[in-house]
Protein backbone atom coordinates (compact mmCIF):
# COMPACT_ATOMS: atom_id res chain seq x y z
CA MET A 1 -7.53 -31.27 -5.37
CA ASP A 2 -9.15 -32.38 -8.62
CA ALA A 3 -6.39 -33.44 -11.04
CA SER A 4 -8.28 -31.85 -13.92
CA ILE A 5 -8.11 -28.46 -12.18
CA GLN A 6 -4.56 -28.59 -10.83
CA PRO A 7 -2.68 -28.13 -14.16
CA ASN A 8 -4.71 -25.03 -14.95
CA LEU A 9 -3.83 -23.52 -11.58
CA ASP A 10 -0.18 -24.41 -12.07
CA ASP A 11 -0.15 -22.74 -15.47
CA ALA A 12 -1.88 -19.65 -14.09
CA LEU A 13 0.64 -19.39 -11.26
CA ALA A 14 3.55 -19.78 -13.68
CA ALA A 15 2.10 -17.10 -15.95
CA LEU A 16 1.66 -14.76 -13.00
CA GLY A 17 5.28 -15.21 -11.98
CA ALA A 18 6.50 -14.77 -15.56
CA VAL A 19 5.13 -11.24 -15.59
CA LEU A 20 7.51 -10.30 -12.76
CA ALA A 21 10.49 -12.01 -14.39
CA GLU A 22 11.09 -8.86 -16.47
CA PRO A 23 12.82 -6.20 -14.29
CA ALA A 24 11.20 -3.32 -16.20
CA ARG A 25 7.72 -4.59 -15.37
CA ALA A 26 8.69 -5.12 -11.74
CA ARG A 27 9.96 -1.51 -11.55
CA MET A 28 6.69 -0.23 -12.98
CA LEU A 29 4.66 -2.15 -10.40
CA CYS A 30 6.82 -0.84 -7.58
CA ALA A 31 6.39 2.72 -8.87
CA LEU A 32 2.60 2.28 -8.86
CA MET A 33 2.74 1.35 -5.17
CA ASP A 34 2.61 5.09 -4.44
CA GLY A 35 -1.15 4.81 -5.01
CA ARG A 36 -1.17 7.28 -7.89
CA ALA A 37 -1.93 6.76 -11.57
CA HIS A 38 0.95 7.35 -14.00
CA THR A 39 1.31 7.74 -17.74
CA ALA A 40 3.24 5.31 -19.92
CA THR A 41 5.92 7.97 -20.40
CA GLU A 42 6.38 8.42 -16.65
CA LEU A 43 6.60 4.68 -16.12
CA SER A 44 9.06 4.29 -18.98
CA LEU A 45 11.40 6.72 -17.21
CA VAL A 46 11.09 4.75 -13.97
CA ALA A 47 11.81 1.49 -15.79
CA GLY A 48 14.65 2.95 -17.88
CA ILE A 49 13.14 1.89 -21.19
CA SER A 50 11.67 3.57 -24.28
CA PRO A 51 7.99 4.62 -24.32
CA SER A 52 7.21 2.10 -27.06
CA THR A 53 8.73 -0.73 -25.02
CA ALA A 54 6.88 0.52 -21.95
CA SER A 55 3.57 0.32 -23.82
CA ALA A 56 4.19 -3.34 -24.62
CA HIS A 57 5.01 -4.09 -20.99
CA LEU A 58 1.95 -2.20 -19.77
CA SER A 59 -0.26 -4.21 -22.11
CA ARG A 60 1.22 -7.41 -20.65
CA LEU A 61 0.59 -6.17 -17.09
CA GLN A 62 -2.95 -5.17 -17.98
CA ASP A 63 -3.70 -8.51 -19.65
CA SER A 64 -2.41 -10.26 -16.52
CA VAL A 65 -4.71 -8.11 -14.35
CA TRP A 66 -1.84 -6.53 -12.40
CA ILE A 67 -2.84 -3.02 -13.48
CA ARG A 68 -5.80 -1.12 -14.93
CA CYS A 69 -5.91 1.63 -17.53
CA ILE A 70 -7.74 4.88 -16.74
CA PRO A 71 -8.60 6.91 -19.88
CA GLN A 72 -8.72 10.68 -19.28
CA GLY A 73 -9.46 12.64 -22.43
CA ARG A 74 -6.67 11.92 -24.87
CA HIS A 75 -4.42 10.57 -22.14
CA ARG A 76 -4.16 7.15 -20.56
CA TYR A 77 -3.10 6.59 -17.00
CA TYR A 78 -2.14 3.33 -15.33
CA ALA A 79 -2.70 2.23 -11.74
CA LEU A 80 -2.57 -1.02 -9.78
CA ALA A 81 -5.67 -3.14 -10.31
CA ASP A 82 -6.79 -3.09 -6.68
CA ASP A 83 -5.76 -3.38 -3.02
CA GLU A 84 -5.25 -7.14 -3.25
CA ILE A 85 -2.62 -6.66 -5.95
CA ALA A 86 -0.94 -3.97 -3.83
CA ALA A 87 -0.89 -6.31 -0.81
CA LEU A 88 0.60 -9.08 -2.95
CA ILE A 89 3.37 -6.79 -4.21
CA GLU A 90 4.13 -5.66 -0.63
CA THR A 91 4.40 -9.31 0.42
CA LEU A 92 6.69 -10.13 -2.51
CA LEU A 93 8.89 -7.15 -1.64
CA GLY A 94 9.26 -8.60 1.85
CA ALA A 95 10.27 -11.97 0.38
CA ALA A 96 12.78 -10.22 -1.90
CA GLN A 97 14.29 -8.38 1.07
CA ARG A 98 14.83 -11.65 2.94
CA ARG A 99 17.09 -12.84 0.13
CA MET A 100 19.34 -9.78 0.33
CA PRO A 101 22.51 -9.78 2.48
CA SER A 102 21.58 -6.80 4.63
CA ILE A 103 17.97 -5.79 5.18
CA ARG A 104 18.68 -2.43 6.78
CA SER A 105 21.43 -1.20 4.50
CA THR A 106 19.65 -2.01 1.25
CA THR A 107 16.49 0.01 1.99
CA PRO A 108 16.88 3.79 1.50
CA GLU A 109 16.37 5.52 4.83
CA PRO A 110 13.55 7.87 3.70
CA LEU A 111 11.56 4.90 2.37
CA ARG A 112 12.28 2.78 5.45
CA HIS A 113 11.07 5.54 7.75
CA ALA A 114 7.82 6.50 6.02
CA ARG A 115 6.34 5.75 2.61
CA THR A 116 3.07 4.94 0.88
CA CYS A 117 1.89 1.36 0.50
CA TYR A 118 -0.70 1.95 -2.22
CA HIS A 119 -3.41 3.96 -0.36
CA HIS A 120 -2.05 3.76 3.20
CA ALA A 121 1.14 4.60 5.09
CA ALA A 122 4.02 2.18 5.60
CA GLY A 123 7.53 2.13 7.05
CA ALA A 124 8.79 2.46 10.62
CA PHE A 125 6.51 5.47 11.18
CA ALA A 126 3.37 3.53 10.20
CA VAL A 127 4.41 0.41 12.12
CA ASP A 128 4.85 2.56 15.23
CA LEU A 129 1.37 4.06 14.77
CA HIS A 130 -0.08 0.57 14.40
CA ASP A 131 1.69 -0.70 17.52
CA ARG A 132 0.50 2.26 19.58
CA MET A 133 -3.09 1.76 18.42
CA MET A 134 -2.86 -1.91 19.37
CA ALA A 135 -1.41 -0.99 22.78
CA ARG A 136 -4.43 1.26 23.37
CA ALA A 137 -6.72 -1.63 22.31
CA TRP A 138 -8.25 0.54 19.59
CA LEU A 139 -7.88 -2.29 17.09
CA VAL A 140 -9.32 -5.74 17.82
CA PRO A 141 -7.83 -8.62 15.77
CA MET A 142 -10.48 -10.67 13.96
CA ALA A 143 -10.36 -13.71 11.67
CA GLU A 144 -10.03 -11.27 8.78
CA GLY A 145 -8.77 -7.77 9.45
CA TYR A 146 -9.46 -5.68 12.56
CA ALA A 147 -12.58 -4.43 14.27
CA LEU A 148 -12.61 -1.09 16.08
CA SER A 149 -13.22 -1.21 19.82
CA ASP A 150 -15.50 1.39 21.38
CA ALA A 151 -12.37 3.28 22.42
CA GLY A 152 -11.05 2.99 18.87
CA ARG A 153 -14.27 4.31 17.37
CA ALA A 154 -14.14 7.27 19.75
CA ALA A 155 -10.47 7.90 19.01
CA PHE A 156 -10.94 8.00 15.24
CA ALA A 157 -14.09 10.07 15.65
CA ARG A 158 -11.92 12.72 17.33
CA LEU A 159 -10.07 12.94 14.02
CA GLY A 160 -13.35 13.21 12.11
CA LEU A 161 -13.21 9.61 10.86
CA ASP A 162 -16.58 7.97 11.49
CA ALA A 163 -16.51 4.18 11.74
CA ASP A 164 -19.98 3.71 10.24
CA THR A 165 -19.12 5.87 7.24
CA LEU A 166 -15.92 3.90 6.72
CA ARG A 167 -17.80 0.61 7.01
CA ALA A 168 -20.25 1.72 4.32
CA ARG A 169 -17.34 2.71 2.11
CA ALA A 170 -15.71 -0.69 2.61
CA ARG A 171 -18.76 -2.79 1.78
CA GLY A 172 -17.96 -5.08 -1.10
CA LYS A 173 -14.47 -3.60 -1.51
CA ARG A 174 -11.99 -3.69 1.35
CA HIS A 175 -11.83 -4.42 5.05
CA VAL A 176 -12.48 -1.39 7.22
CA ALA A 177 -9.14 -2.12 8.86
CA LYS A 178 -6.61 -4.86 8.25
CA SER A 179 -3.04 -5.82 8.96
CA CYS A 180 -0.53 -5.33 6.14
CA LEU A 181 2.94 -6.82 6.65
CA ASP A 182 5.55 -4.11 6.20
CA TRP A 183 8.35 -5.34 3.92
CA SER A 184 11.11 -3.25 5.47
CA GLU A 185 10.11 -3.56 9.14
CA ARG A 186 8.74 -7.13 8.96
CA ARG A 187 5.90 -6.12 11.26
CA PRO A 188 2.35 -5.02 10.43
CA HIS A 189 1.10 -1.56 9.63
CA LEU A 190 -2.54 -0.48 9.24
CA GLY A 191 -4.24 -1.08 5.89
CA GLY A 192 -7.79 -1.20 4.59
CA VAL A 193 -10.25 1.68 4.34
CA LEU A 194 -9.24 2.99 7.77
CA GLY A 195 -5.55 3.05 6.85
CA ALA A 196 -6.34 4.88 3.61
CA ALA A 197 -8.58 7.41 5.37
CA LEU A 198 -5.92 8.06 8.00
CA LEU A 199 -3.27 8.71 5.34
CA ASP A 200 -5.60 11.05 3.44
CA LEU A 201 -6.28 12.96 6.66
CA MET A 202 -2.58 13.24 7.50
CA ILE A 203 -1.84 14.57 4.02
CA ASP A 204 -4.75 17.06 4.14
CA LYS A 205 -3.59 18.36 7.51
CA HIS A 206 0.05 18.51 6.31
CA TRP A 207 1.06 16.08 9.04
CA VAL A 208 2.88 14.17 6.30
CA ILE A 209 4.06 15.37 2.90
CA ARG A 210 4.24 13.13 -0.14
CA ASP A 211 7.44 13.09 -2.16
CA LEU A 212 6.71 13.99 -5.78
CA ASP A 213 9.20 11.52 -7.24
CA SER A 214 8.96 8.48 -4.97
CA ARG A 215 6.83 6.68 -2.42
CA ALA A 216 8.55 8.48 0.45
CA LEU A 217 6.57 10.45 3.02
CA THR A 218 8.01 13.23 5.17
CA VAL A 219 6.50 13.40 8.66
CA THR A 220 6.35 17.05 9.71
CA ALA A 221 7.16 18.16 13.25
CA ARG A 222 3.60 19.48 13.57
CA GLY A 223 2.24 16.16 12.38
CA GLN A 224 4.29 14.13 14.83
CA ARG A 225 3.15 16.35 17.71
CA ALA A 226 -0.49 16.06 16.64
CA LEU A 227 -0.32 12.30 16.34
CA ASP A 228 1.45 11.96 19.69
CA ALA A 229 -1.23 14.11 21.32
CA TRP A 230 -4.02 12.07 19.67
CA LEU A 231 -2.52 8.77 20.78
CA ALA A 232 -2.03 10.09 24.33
CA GLN A 233 -5.66 11.18 24.80
CA SER A 234 -7.72 9.33 27.37
CA ASP A 235 -10.52 7.13 26.07
């Protein structure tokens, strides 16, 4: 690598890491992993700091391109900058878990079972869905992300999720489908536009219910039955 470029990259990497060195900022980023936009007041409560201190931290996060500000009338809401930032945070959470004495005992059970990972589902529930889709050969691993097999296209069409529509939505933004390493299970769950569309569908159908105060998802009995039936259908 060009020596004239290397120091700049080193400095940029150090600056990126410095943002996470403050626990309050790290808590805010983790809170935003629920995929929703939050006010400075809400994030100050999560971080355990005053609103004025939260505003300073949010400005630092915004300047470092970790988050974006969404003005709405007189209010300002904050959300993660994009899916790449969300994927990076999920990866860092996995690295943090590896440094803890007990992986299982330190992750709250509701979050370990099912939670949001920005715009898609995560946890043991989501990893199981991913594994069952792979077993049915609905997802085809590619150099980057997944492609849908003919059987996969048909399967998602049965849910009302059209592959061509999703591909158009993903153009220039995200993969239609991609692997996202789950930090609590250490195995992949489904991300990308397809993962987000599947979560939206499950919420709309009340197959899963979002917790109002955390990233946790509750899988309803009706939802589990519906998903089991969908995954058991012949191609």
